[in-house]
Amino acid sequence: MGFATKPAQKHLFALYAFHLETLRIRDLVSQPLPGEIRLQWWRDRLASEEPLEDAAQGSPIATALIATIREHALPLDAFERYLEARVFDLYNDPMPSRADFEAYAGETSSALIMMATMVLDRSAAPSLADACGHAGVGQTAISVLRSEAIHRNRHQVYVPADILTATGIDASTWLAGGAGSERARDAMRAFAREHLDPVLHLWASIPVSVRPALLPALWAGKAPITAGAEPSALRRLWFYWRQMRS
């Protein structure tokens, strides 16, 4: 965030706060229906044409996000698709395939990265759709591995079924966390690299003005992937500094 311009930082904070707020809904509800109601609240807030304070209904995050959307003319339909994709998090349906995973990540993480590029440099953003798409999918795949224990406790399977099948296990084996799961982890790492490598390939041509939006995804691919582990902040900042100057 510190590599973004000062005026843009508050808007990036608004986007990421919204992302975290919707991501944690599953942990705040005991049943899917209350979670869907919370998502609908966000739809109603973002679609509201009322003055800012009335539209946000006293929520600091909603206030900041609505202000960001209005100031930067961010597309509301992208937020609608984001919120629709988040419904998946409320249930325990397994992820059917790689294509479904890419669609889910594309509407959530990739969309968030794209919005961030629009905040940072609106003129450069249209040319970055491909890089943002790959970055979001790769980052989400890594996040699945880092959140493995959390997902198991919820009985959620985000690893695509076709990846599980290709590695010789099924959803129940993955949830059990047995030795056979390591093959699926390796396959998910490879899947993440398939999407993050194109971003690295394009990096030299990506304008410095929008690079801060993509840095977290690149770091996800470089940092050690250990379930529940958080790499040091100093290492991350050093990586960001080098990437901004490469």
Protein backbone atom coordinates (compact mmCIF):
# COMPACT_ATOMS: atom_id res chain seq x y z
CA MET A 1 0.00 0.00 0.00
CA GLY A 2 2.87 2.35 0.78
CA PHE A 3 3.99 2.20 -2.86
CA ALA A 4 0.72 3.74 -4.05
CA THR A 5 0.31 7.50 -4.26
CA LYS A 6 -0.95 9.16 -1.10
CA PRO A 7 -4.32 10.20 -2.60
CA ALA A 8 -4.96 6.66 -3.81
CA GLN A 9 -4.12 4.91 -0.56
CA LYS A 10 -7.40 5.63 1.22
CA HIS A 11 -9.33 4.25 -1.74
CA LEU A 12 -7.24 1.09 -1.82
CA PHE A 13 -7.85 0.69 1.91
CA ALA A 14 -11.59 0.94 1.21
CA LEU A 15 -11.43 -1.81 -1.43
CA TYR A 16 -9.36 -4.16 0.72
CA ALA A 17 -11.50 -3.50 3.81
CA PHE A 18 -14.59 -4.43 1.80
CA HIS A 19 -12.82 -7.57 0.61
CA LEU A 20 -11.93 -8.62 4.16
CA GLU A 21 -15.37 -7.72 5.49
CA THR A 22 -17.16 -9.92 2.95
CA LEU A 23 -14.56 -12.67 3.23
CA ARG A 24 -15.23 -13.08 6.95
CA ILE A 25 -19.01 -13.31 6.70
CA ARG A 26 -18.82 -17.10 6.87
CA ASP A 27 -17.21 -16.79 10.32
CA LEU A 28 -19.92 -14.44 11.58
CA VAL A 29 -22.98 -16.56 10.79
CA SER A 30 -24.12 -20.02 11.81
CA GLN A 31 -26.25 -20.65 8.71
CA PRO A 32 -25.98 -19.58 5.06
CA LEU A 33 -29.19 -17.50 5.04
CA PRO A 34 -27.95 -14.80 7.45
CA GLY A 35 -24.80 -14.65 5.34
CA GLU A 36 -26.83 -14.10 2.20
CA ILE A 37 -28.72 -11.34 3.99
CA ARG A 38 -25.42 -9.64 4.81
CA LEU A 39 -24.36 -9.87 1.18
CA GLN A 40 -27.69 -8.42 0.11
CA TRP A 41 -27.14 -5.53 2.52
CA TRP A 42 -23.95 -4.73 0.64
CA ARG A 43 -25.77 -4.92 -2.70
CA ASP A 44 -28.38 -2.47 -1.44
CA ARG A 45 -25.78 -0.10 -0.02
CA LEU A 46 -23.70 0.02 -3.20
CA ALA A 47 -26.73 0.42 -5.46
CA SER A 48 -28.18 3.24 -3.36
CA GLU A 49 -28.36 6.67 -4.95
CA GLU A 50 -28.90 8.39 -1.61
CA PRO A 51 -26.40 10.86 -0.17
CA LEU A 52 -23.25 9.14 1.07
CA GLU A 53 -24.07 9.01 4.79
CA ASP A 54 -27.60 7.73 4.15
CA ALA A 55 -26.41 5.14 1.65
CA ALA A 56 -23.76 3.78 4.03
CA GLN A 57 -26.13 3.51 7.03
CA GLY A 58 -23.40 4.34 9.49
CA SER A 59 -20.88 1.72 8.35
CA PRO A 60 -17.35 3.22 8.08
CA ILE A 61 -16.33 0.59 5.52
CA ALA A 62 -19.43 1.18 3.42
CA THR A 63 -18.89 4.93 3.66
CA ALA A 64 -15.31 4.62 2.41
CA LEU A 65 -16.20 2.14 -0.34
CA ILE A 66 -19.19 4.08 -1.67
CA ALA A 67 -17.08 7.24 -1.72
CA THR A 68 -14.38 5.36 -3.67
CA ILE A 69 -16.88 3.95 -6.16
CA ARG A 70 -18.43 7.35 -6.77
CA GLU A 71 -15.16 9.28 -6.99
CA HIS A 72 -13.55 6.81 -9.41
CA ALA A 73 -16.72 5.75 -11.27
CA LEU A 74 -16.03 2.08 -10.53
CA PRO A 75 -18.48 -0.28 -12.26
CA LEU A 76 -21.26 -1.43 -9.93
CA ASP A 77 -21.87 -4.59 -11.95
CA ALA A 78 -18.39 -5.81 -11.00
CA PHE A 79 -19.29 -5.47 -7.32
CA GLU A 80 -22.57 -7.27 -7.95
CA ARG A 81 -20.70 -10.20 -9.50
CA TYR A 82 -18.21 -10.10 -6.63
CA LEU A 83 -20.98 -10.40 -4.06
CA GLU A 84 -22.73 -13.15 -6.03
CA ALA A 85 -19.48 -15.15 -6.13
CA ARG A 86 -19.12 -14.76 -2.35
CA VAL A 87 -22.32 -16.80 -1.88
CA PHE A 88 -20.18 -19.88 -2.59
CA ASP A 89 -18.26 -19.24 0.66
CA LEU A 90 -21.43 -19.66 2.72
CA TYR A 91 -22.05 -23.26 1.70
CA ASN A 92 -20.05 -26.48 1.74
CA ASP A 93 -20.45 -27.36 -1.93
CA PRO A 94 -17.11 -28.57 -3.33
CA MET A 95 -15.41 -26.58 -6.09
CA PRO A 96 -16.39 -28.51 -9.27
CA SER A 97 -13.49 -27.77 -11.61
CA ARG A 98 -10.52 -25.57 -12.48
CA ALA A 99 -12.79 -23.54 -14.77
CA ASP A 100 -15.21 -22.93 -11.88
CA PHE A 101 -12.32 -21.96 -9.62
CA GLU A 102 -11.03 -19.50 -12.23
CA ALA A 103 -14.51 -17.99 -12.55
CA TYR A 104 -14.84 -17.68 -8.76
CA ALA A 105 -11.39 -16.12 -8.36
CA GLY A 106 -11.96 -13.93 -11.40
CA GLU A 107 -15.10 -12.39 -9.92
CA THR A 108 -13.49 -11.88 -6.49
CA SER A 109 -9.71 -11.43 -6.26
CA SER A 110 -9.13 -10.58 -9.92
CA ALA A 111 -11.96 -8.04 -9.86
CA LEU A 112 -10.53 -6.44 -6.72
CA ILE A 113 -7.10 -6.12 -8.35
CA MET A 114 -8.68 -4.61 -11.46
CA MET A 115 -10.56 -2.07 -9.34
CA ALA A 116 -7.32 -1.17 -7.61
CA THR A 117 -5.63 -0.51 -10.95
CA MET A 118 -8.54 1.74 -11.92
CA VAL A 119 -8.02 3.75 -8.74
CA LEU A 120 -4.27 3.99 -9.33
CA ASP A 121 -4.28 4.87 -13.03
CA ARG A 122 -7.57 4.82 -14.93
CA SER A 123 -5.91 5.29 -18.33
CA ALA A 124 -3.58 2.31 -17.87
CA ALA A 125 -6.15 -0.06 -16.33
CA PRO A 126 -7.91 -1.27 -19.53
CA SER A 127 -4.73 -2.87 -20.86
CA LEU A 128 -4.22 -4.85 -17.64
CA ALA A 129 -7.32 -7.05 -17.66
CA ASP A 130 -5.33 -10.16 -18.57
CA ALA A 131 -2.65 -9.57 -15.92
CA CYS A 132 -5.26 -8.83 -13.25
CA GLY A 133 -7.19 -11.96 -14.17
CA HIS A 134 -4.16 -14.21 -13.86
CA ALA A 135 -2.97 -12.48 -10.69
CA GLY A 136 -6.29 -12.98 -8.93
CA VAL A 137 -6.55 -16.66 -9.79
CA GLY A 138 -2.96 -17.37 -8.75
CA GLN A 139 -3.34 -15.44 -5.51
CA THR A 140 -6.58 -17.26 -4.67
CA ALA A 141 -5.01 -20.65 -5.33
CA ILE A 142 -2.19 -19.83 -2.92
CA SER A 143 -4.72 -18.54 -0.38
CA VAL A 144 -6.54 -21.88 -0.52
CA LEU A 145 -3.34 -23.65 0.52
CA ARG A 146 -2.63 -21.16 3.31
CA SER A 147 -6.22 -21.47 4.59
CA GLU A 148 -6.29 -25.25 4.37
CA ALA A 149 -6.88 -25.84 8.09
CA ILE A 150 -9.65 -23.23 8.26
CA HIS A 151 -11.44 -24.74 5.29
CA ARG A 152 -11.15 -28.23 6.73
CA ASN A 153 -12.74 -27.10 9.97
CA ARG A 154 -15.63 -25.74 7.94
CA HIS A 155 -15.77 -28.88 5.75
CA GLN A 156 -15.17 -26.73 2.68
CA VAL A 157 -13.27 -27.97 -0.38
CA TYR A 158 -11.89 -25.20 -2.58
CA VAL A 159 -9.44 -27.45 -4.42
CA PRO A 160 -11.15 -28.17 -7.76
CA ALA A 161 -12.58 -31.67 -8.10
CA ASP A 162 -10.72 -32.30 -11.36
CA ILE A 163 -7.41 -31.52 -9.64
CA LEU A 164 -8.27 -33.90 -6.81
CA THR A 165 -9.22 -36.61 -9.31
CA ALA A 166 -6.03 -36.09 -11.32
CA THR A 167 -3.97 -36.57 -8.16
CA GLY A 168 -5.83 -39.74 -7.18
CA ILE A 169 -7.87 -38.51 -4.23
CA ASP A 170 -11.41 -37.31 -3.58
CA ALA A 171 -12.95 -34.56 -1.46
CA SER A 172 -13.22 -36.75 1.65
CA THR A 173 -9.53 -37.65 1.46
CA TRP A 174 -8.61 -33.99 1.08
CA LEU A 175 -10.73 -33.08 4.11
CA ALA A 176 -9.08 -35.84 6.14
CA GLY A 177 -5.69 -34.32 5.36
CA GLY A 178 -3.94 -37.62 4.84
CA ALA A 179 -0.64 -38.26 3.12
CA GLY A 180 -2.33 -38.41 -0.27
CA SER A 181 -3.24 -34.75 0.05
CA GLU A 182 0.33 -33.64 -0.67
CA ARG A 183 -0.10 -34.51 -4.36
CA ALA A 184 -3.11 -32.21 -4.49
CA ARG A 185 -1.12 -29.45 -2.77
CA ASP A 186 1.62 -29.79 -5.38
CA ALA A 187 -0.99 -29.62 -8.13
CA MET A 188 -2.52 -26.46 -6.62
CA ARG A 189 0.95 -24.87 -6.42
CA ALA A 190 1.46 -25.70 -10.09
CA PHE A 191 -1.99 -24.30 -10.90
CA ALA A 192 -1.07 -21.06 -9.11
CA ARG A 193 2.21 -20.83 -11.03
CA GLU A 194 0.35 -21.27 -14.33
CA HIS A 195 -1.42 -18.01 -13.56
CA LEU A 196 1.31 -16.05 -11.79
CA ASP A 197 4.06 -16.78 -14.34
CA PRO A 198 2.27 -14.79 -17.10
CA VAL A 199 2.11 -11.78 -14.75
CA LEU A 200 5.86 -12.01 -14.16
CA HIS A 201 6.37 -12.32 -17.91
CA LEU A 202 4.40 -9.11 -18.47
CA TRP A 203 5.91 -7.28 -15.50
CA ALA A 204 8.42 -5.15 -17.39
CA SER A 205 5.63 -3.74 -19.55
CA ILE A 206 3.28 -2.96 -16.64
CA PRO A 207 3.32 0.75 -15.75
CA VAL A 208 4.86 1.56 -12.37
CA SER A 209 1.72 3.53 -11.49
CA VAL A 210 -0.41 0.37 -11.26
CA ARG A 211 2.14 -2.14 -9.99
CA PRO A 212 1.08 -1.72 -6.32
CA ALA A 213 -2.22 -3.42 -7.18
CA LEU A 214 -0.42 -6.54 -8.39
CA LEU A 215 2.33 -6.79 -5.79
CA PRO A 216 0.35 -8.89 -3.24
CA ALA A 217 -0.37 -11.54 -5.86
CA LEU A 218 3.27 -11.77 -6.89
CA TRP A 219 4.32 -12.00 -3.26
CA ALA A 220 1.81 -14.81 -2.71
CA GLY A 221 3.63 -16.80 -5.37
CA LYS A 222 7.08 -16.13 -3.92
CA ALA A 223 6.47 -16.46 -0.18
CA PRO A 224 6.74 -19.88 1.48
CA ILE A 225 3.44 -21.75 1.25
CA THR A 226 2.80 -23.25 4.65
CA ALA A 227 -0.70 -23.61 5.99
CA GLY A 228 -1.31 -20.95 8.61
CA ALA A 229 2.19 -19.44 8.25
CA GLU A 230 2.68 -15.71 7.80
CA PRO A 231 6.00 -14.71 6.16
CA SER A 232 7.82 -11.77 7.72
CA ALA A 233 6.63 -8.27 6.87
CA LEU A 234 10.23 -7.17 6.27
CA ARG A 235 10.76 -9.82 3.61
CA ARG A 236 7.52 -8.80 1.95
CA LEU A 237 8.45 -5.11 1.89
CA TRP A 238 11.88 -5.92 0.50
CA PHE A 239 10.25 -7.99 -2.27
CA TYR A 240 7.83 -5.15 -3.05
CA TRP A 241 10.67 -2.62 -3.22
CA ARG A 242 12.63 -4.76 -5.67
CA GLN A 243 9.60 -5.44 -7.86
CA MET A 244 8.68 -1.76 -8.08
CA ARG A 245 12.17 -1.08 -9.44
CA SER A 246 12.60 -4.06 -11.73
